[in-house]
Amino acid sequence: MWNIIIWISLFILGYVIIYFSVDFFIDNLKEACVIFGVSPFIIGLIILGIDPEESIASIVASLGGFSYLALGNVIGNTILSLSLCFALPAFFYKIDLKKMSSFYFILLYTCLVLILLSFMIP
């Protein structure tokens, strides 16, 4: 029992350390943008878009001959990252739904039928 509590505590401590070190890292990235005259979007895309732990794991797996493991790591990380980016805000945002006209449903189903027919009729 104590073993699990220790590991959970270490996990939470790791997230706290990451939280405060990311704040320091972001501040330094802002200064680097000003010094080098580069757009913050480009710096964020290049530096923050690459997860260091994921890229290291993929490189080590590829060098070890486990290319499928590296590919699965990249695909899994991408799916998780994209789903969390859209799912977490949805939990905290109140969605107002308005009634749509039936024209859009007819248009959607027409497109679906045309796509299915294009697969069946060469």
Protein backbone atom coordinates (compact mmCIF):
# COMPACT_ATOMS: atom_id res chain seq x y z
CA MET A 1 0.00 0.00 0.00
CA TRP A 2 2.75 2.45 0.91
CA ASN A 3 4.53 1.58 -2.29
CA ILE A 4 1.60 2.83 -4.39
CA ILE A 5 1.28 6.04 -2.34
CA ILE A 6 4.99 6.76 -2.81
CA TRP A 7 4.75 6.29 -6.60
CA ILE A 8 1.62 8.44 -6.87
CA SER A 9 3.32 11.13 -4.79
CA LEU A 10 6.38 11.02 -7.06
CA PHE A 11 4.11 11.26 -10.09
CA ILE A 12 2.36 14.35 -8.71
CA LEU A 13 5.70 15.88 -7.67
CA GLY A 14 6.98 15.34 -11.20
CA TYR A 15 4.02 17.20 -12.65
CA VAL A 16 4.55 20.08 -10.21
CA ILE A 17 8.22 20.32 -11.21
CA ILE A 18 7.27 20.25 -14.90
CA TYR A 19 4.68 22.98 -14.33
CA PHE A 20 7.15 25.41 -12.77
CA SER A 21 9.99 24.60 -15.15
CA VAL A 22 7.72 25.13 -18.18
CA ASP A 23 6.96 28.64 -16.96
CA PHE A 24 10.71 29.39 -16.85
CA PHE A 25 11.17 27.77 -20.26
CA ILE A 26 8.38 29.83 -21.87
CA ASP A 27 9.83 33.05 -20.48
CA ASN A 28 13.20 32.21 -22.01
CA LEU A 29 11.55 31.37 -25.35
CA LYS A 30 9.90 34.81 -25.38
CA GLU A 31 13.31 36.42 -24.89
CA ALA A 32 14.79 34.25 -27.66
CA CYS A 33 12.04 35.43 -30.03
CA VAL A 34 12.94 39.04 -29.35
CA ILE A 35 16.71 38.47 -29.58
CA PHE A 36 16.62 36.50 -32.85
CA GLY A 37 13.72 38.44 -34.37
CA VAL A 38 11.73 35.29 -35.07
CA SER A 39 7.97 35.00 -34.86
CA PRO A 40 6.74 33.42 -31.60
CA PHE A 41 4.48 31.18 -33.71
CA ILE A 42 7.49 29.68 -35.51
CA ILE A 43 9.40 29.15 -32.25
CA GLY A 44 6.34 27.53 -30.68
CA LEU A 45 5.83 25.32 -33.70
CA ILE A 46 9.43 24.14 -33.81
CA ILE A 47 10.40 24.01 -30.14
CA LEU A 48 7.14 23.30 -28.33
CA GLY A 49 5.66 21.18 -31.11
CA ILE A 50 8.31 18.52 -30.54
CA ASP A 51 7.83 16.47 -27.40
CA PRO A 52 11.40 15.68 -26.33
CA GLU A 53 10.50 12.47 -24.53
CA GLU A 54 8.49 11.20 -27.49
CA SER A 55 11.20 12.01 -30.01
CA ILE A 56 13.89 10.39 -27.85
CA ALA A 57 11.75 7.27 -27.40
CA SER A 58 11.14 7.06 -31.16
CA ILE A 59 14.83 7.53 -31.98
CA VAL A 60 15.93 4.88 -29.49
CA ALA A 61 13.26 2.46 -30.73
CA SER A 62 14.29 3.02 -34.36
CA LEU A 63 17.96 2.51 -33.58
CA GLY A 64 17.09 -0.64 -31.66
CA GLY A 65 15.34 -2.12 -34.68
CA PHE A 66 11.80 -1.52 -33.40
CA SER A 67 10.58 0.77 -36.16
CA TYR A 68 6.95 -0.29 -35.64
CA LEU A 69 7.21 0.70 -31.99
CA ALA A 70 8.55 4.11 -33.01
CA LEU A 71 5.74 4.56 -35.53
CA GLY A 72 3.14 3.51 -32.97
CA ASN A 73 4.62 5.96 -30.50
CA VAL A 74 4.30 8.82 -32.97
CA ILE A 75 0.76 7.90 -34.02
CA GLY A 76 -0.39 7.36 -30.43
CA ASN A 77 1.12 10.62 -29.26
CA THR A 78 -0.51 12.50 -32.12
CA ILE A 79 -3.93 11.02 -31.43
CA LEU A 80 -3.65 11.72 -27.72
CA SER A 81 -2.41 15.27 -28.25
CA LEU A 82 -5.12 16.16 -30.74
CA SER A 83 -7.92 14.59 -28.74
CA LEU A 84 -6.86 16.32 -25.52
CA CYS A 85 -6.59 19.69 -27.26
CA PHE A 86 -10.21 19.50 -28.36
CA ALA A 87 -11.74 17.41 -25.57
CA LEU A 88 -10.51 19.26 -22.48
CA PRO A 89 -11.92 22.66 -23.46
CA ALA A 90 -15.20 20.96 -24.34
CA PHE A 91 -15.54 19.78 -20.74
CA PHE A 92 -15.30 23.33 -19.40
CA TYR A 93 -17.22 25.21 -22.09
CA LYS A 94 -20.99 25.47 -22.14
CA ILE A 95 -22.21 24.62 -25.61
CA ASP A 96 -25.29 26.38 -26.97
CA LEU A 97 -26.89 24.30 -29.67
CA LYS A 98 -29.34 25.84 -32.09
CA LYS A 99 -31.64 24.00 -34.41
CA MET A 100 -30.23 23.51 -37.90
CA SER A 101 -32.32 23.51 -41.02
CA SER A 102 -32.89 20.19 -42.71
CA PHE A 103 -31.06 21.47 -45.81
CA TYR A 104 -27.68 20.73 -44.21
CA PHE A 105 -28.67 17.17 -43.35
CA ILE A 106 -29.90 16.58 -46.90
CA LEU A 107 -26.65 18.02 -48.25
CA LEU A 108 -24.59 15.83 -45.90
CA TYR A 109 -26.45 12.65 -46.81
CA THR A 110 -26.23 13.49 -50.52
CA CYS A 111 -22.47 13.84 -50.24
CA LEU A 112 -22.29 10.57 -48.31
CA VAL A 113 -24.27 8.73 -50.98
CA LEU A 114 -22.11 10.21 -53.74
CA ILE A 115 -18.93 9.13 -51.96
CA LEU A 116 -20.27 5.62 -51.47
CA LEU A 117 -21.34 5.43 -55.12
CA SER A 118 -17.90 6.57 -56.23
CA PHE A 119 -16.40 3.60 -54.38
CA MET A 120 -18.82 1.13 -55.93
CA ILE A 121 -18.88 2.44 -59.50
CA PRO A 122 -15.43 2.70 -61.06
